[in-house]
Amino acid sequence: MRNGVRSDAYDLLEEQTGLARKTVQALKQVSDHIDLPNRLGSLSWTHHFQVYLLPPAEQKKWLKMAEKNDWEKRLVVVHKTAQRGPSPRCRILELA
């Protein structure tokens, strides 16, 4: 068992979706850490990935700012980093 999910479940998802295991794991991490009320359909999954390690109130704040200001996904990281300084939570995931 890894990350609370049985390995064969990841195998099945990989087979059915064609997505790489790391992508499936990242999708699970975001869905586990961002409550439905904080998710914004107008923003990309990558926007949500950028903030999933933050506390819920911070997630909501950054996602609302990204939506209001029409920030590109990389700008979410730039604005977040500029305000709080460099952090290991500020990561960029490039999806092909």
C-alpha atoms as a PDB file:
ATOM      1  CA  MET A   1       0.000   0.000   0.000  1.00  0.00           C
ATOM      2  CA  ARG A   2       1.372   3.443  -0.975  1.00  0.00           C
ATOM      3  CA  ASN A   3      -0.133   6.826  -0.081  1.00  0.00           C
ATOM      4  CA  GLY A   4      -3.229   5.095   1.275  1.00  0.00           C
ATOM      5  CA  VAL A   5      -3.959   3.468  -2.094  1.00  0.00           C
ATOM      6  CA  ARG A   6      -3.215  -0.110  -2.984  1.00  0.00           C
ATOM      7  CA  SER A   7      -0.608  -0.491  -5.701  1.00  0.00           C
ATOM      8  CA  ASP A   8      -2.959  -2.572  -7.854  1.00  0.00           C
ATOM      9  CA  ALA A   9      -5.443   0.343  -7.818  1.00  0.00           C
ATOM     10  CA  TYR A  10      -2.759   2.541  -9.365  1.00  0.00           C
ATOM     11  CA  ASP A  11      -1.997  -0.220 -11.870  1.00  0.00           C
ATOM     12  CA  LEU A  12      -5.659  -0.375 -12.840  1.00  0.00           C
ATOM     13  CA  LEU A  13      -5.939   3.413 -13.189  1.00  0.00           C
ATOM     14  CA  GLU A  14      -2.793   3.517 -15.307  1.00  0.00           C
ATOM     15  CA  GLU A  15      -4.189   0.820 -17.568  1.00  0.00           C
ATOM     16  CA  GLN A  16      -7.666   2.360 -17.886  1.00  0.00           C
ATOM     17  CA  THR A  17      -6.619   6.000 -18.311  1.00  0.00           C
ATOM     18  CA  GLY A  18      -3.240   5.741 -19.980  1.00  0.00           C
ATOM     19  CA  LEU A  19      -1.889   8.194 -17.410  1.00  0.00           C
ATOM     20  CA  ALA A  20       1.475   7.641 -15.747  1.00  0.00           C
ATOM     21  CA  ARG A  21       1.496   6.532 -12.111  1.00  0.00           C
ATOM     22  CA  LYS A  22       3.033   9.863 -10.992  1.00  0.00           C
ATOM     23  CA  THR A  23       0.204  11.754 -12.676  1.00  0.00           C
ATOM     24  CA  VAL A  24      -2.434   9.572 -11.002  1.00  0.00           C
ATOM     25  CA  GLN A  25      -0.700  10.065  -7.646  1.00  0.00           C
ATOM     26  CA  ALA A  26      -0.581  13.843  -8.162  1.00  0.00           C
ATOM     27  CA  LEU A  27      -4.295  13.887  -9.030  1.00  0.00           C
ATOM     28  CA  LYS A  28      -5.040  12.006  -5.825  1.00  0.00           C
ATOM     29  CA  GLN A  29      -2.909  14.364  -3.736  1.00  0.00           C
ATOM     30  CA  VAL A  30      -4.743  17.428  -5.024  1.00  0.00           C
ATOM     31  CA  SER A  31      -8.170  15.864  -4.583  1.00  0.00           C
ATOM     32  CA  ASP A  32      -7.272  14.747  -1.047  1.00  0.00           C
ATOM     33  CA  HIS A  33      -6.033  18.200   0.002  1.00  0.00           C
ATOM     34  CA  ILE A  34      -8.429  20.656  -1.649  1.00  0.00           C
ATOM     35  CA  ASP A  35     -12.008  20.484  -0.443  1.00  0.00           C
ATOM     36  CA  LEU A  36     -14.739  20.746  -3.084  1.00  0.00           C
ATOM     37  CA  PRO A  37     -15.907  24.198  -1.914  1.00  0.00           C
ATOM     38  CA  ASN A  38     -12.385  25.565  -2.488  1.00  0.00           C
ATOM     39  CA  ARG A  39     -12.067  24.227  -6.042  1.00  0.00           C
ATOM     40  CA  LEU A  40     -12.732  26.640  -8.877  1.00  0.00           C
ATOM     41  CA  GLY A  41     -13.863  25.237 -12.211  1.00  0.00           C
ATOM     42  CA  SER A  42     -12.603  28.320 -14.020  1.00  0.00           C
ATOM     43  CA  LEU A  43      -9.007  27.482 -13.075  1.00  0.00           C
ATOM     44  CA  SER A  44      -6.832  24.667 -14.328  1.00  0.00           C
ATOM     45  CA  TRP A  45      -5.864  21.610 -12.351  1.00  0.00           C
ATOM     46  CA  THR A  46      -2.328  23.011 -12.289  1.00  0.00           C
ATOM     47  CA  HIS A  47      -3.532  26.109 -10.422  1.00  0.00           C
ATOM     48  CA  HIS A  48      -4.957  23.797  -7.775  1.00  0.00           C
ATOM     49  CA  PHE A  49      -1.778  21.731  -7.686  1.00  0.00           C
ATOM     50  CA  GLN A  50       0.217  24.872  -6.915  1.00  0.00           C
ATOM     51  CA  VAL A  51      -1.685  25.481  -3.676  1.00  0.00           C
ATOM     52  CA  TYR A  52      -2.674  22.024  -2.426  1.00  0.00           C
ATOM     53  CA  LEU A  53      -0.112  21.978   0.414  1.00  0.00           C
ATOM     54  CA  LEU A  54      -1.329  25.278   1.839  1.00  0.00           C
ATOM     55  CA  PRO A  55      -3.955  25.466   4.596  1.00  0.00           C
ATOM     56  CA  PRO A  56      -7.529  25.611   3.216  1.00  0.00           C
ATOM     57  CA  ALA A  57      -7.967  29.338   3.859  1.00  0.00           C
ATOM     58  CA  GLU A  58      -4.737  30.084   1.972  1.00  0.00           C
ATOM     59  CA  GLN A  59      -5.769  27.775  -0.879  1.00  0.00           C
ATOM     60  CA  LYS A  60      -9.026  29.635  -1.238  1.00  0.00           C
ATOM     61  CA  LYS A  61      -7.302  33.038  -1.104  1.00  0.00           C
ATOM     62  CA  TRP A  62      -4.733  32.197  -3.801  1.00  0.00           C
ATOM     63  CA  LEU A  63      -7.219  30.467  -6.084  1.00  0.00           C
ATOM     64  CA  LYS A  64      -9.645  33.408  -5.844  1.00  0.00           C
ATOM     65  CA  MET A  65      -6.809  35.852  -6.608  1.00  0.00           C
ATOM     66  CA  ALA A  66      -5.721  33.754  -9.588  1.00  0.00           C
ATOM     67  CA  GLU A  67      -9.303  33.706 -10.885  1.00  0.00           C
ATOM     68  CA  LYS A  68      -9.920  37.418 -10.280  1.00  0.00           C
ATOM     69  CA  ASN A  69      -6.647  38.500 -11.878  1.00  0.00           C
ATOM     70  CA  ASP A  70      -6.739  35.910 -14.675  1.00  0.00           C
ATOM     71  CA  TRP A  71      -3.308  34.648 -13.656  1.00  0.00           C
ATOM     72  CA  GLU A  72      -1.582  32.030 -15.710  1.00  0.00           C
ATOM     73  CA  LYS A  73      -0.554  28.970 -13.695  1.00  0.00           C
ATOM     74  CA  ARG A  74       3.075  30.102 -13.418  1.00  0.00           C
ATOM     75  CA  LEU A  75       2.027  33.504 -12.125  1.00  0.00           C
ATOM     76  CA  VAL A  76       0.296  31.886  -9.169  1.00  0.00           C
ATOM     77  CA  VAL A  77       3.709  30.620  -8.085  1.00  0.00           C
ATOM     78  CA  VAL A  78       5.406  33.963  -8.803  1.00  0.00           C
ATOM     79  CA  HIS A  79       2.862  35.951  -6.777  1.00  0.00           C
ATOM     80  CA  LYS A  80       2.830  33.415  -3.963  1.00  0.00           C
ATOM     81  CA  THR A  81       6.636  33.373  -3.812  1.00  0.00           C
ATOM     82  CA  ALA A  82       6.928  37.160  -3.982  1.00  0.00           C
ATOM     83  CA  GLN A  83       4.592  37.621  -1.042  1.00  0.00           C
ATOM     84  CA  ARG A  84       5.896  34.894   1.247  1.00  0.00           C
ATOM     85  CA  GLY A  85       9.433  34.285   0.039  1.00  0.00           C
ATOM     86  CA  PRO A  86      10.762  31.044  -1.459  1.00  0.00           C
ATOM     87  CA  SER A  87       9.125  27.952  -0.070  1.00  0.00           C
ATOM     88  CA  PRO A  88       9.414  24.221  -0.744  1.00  0.00           C
ATOM     89  CA  ARG A  89       5.636  24.348  -1.246  1.00  0.00           C
ATOM     90  CA  CYS A  90       6.066  26.435  -4.383  1.00  0.00           C
ATOM     91  CA  ARG A  91       6.441  23.845  -7.099  1.00  0.00           C
ATOM     92  CA  ILE A  92       5.665  23.875 -10.777  1.00  0.00           C
ATOM     93  CA  LEU A  93       4.328  20.817 -12.529  1.00  0.00           C
ATOM     94  CA  GLU A  94       4.599  20.886 -16.287  1.00  0.00           C
ATOM     95  CA  LEU A  95       1.942  18.695 -17.825  1.00  0.00           C
ATOM     96  CA  ALA A  96       2.553  17.498 -21.345  1.00  0.00           C
END
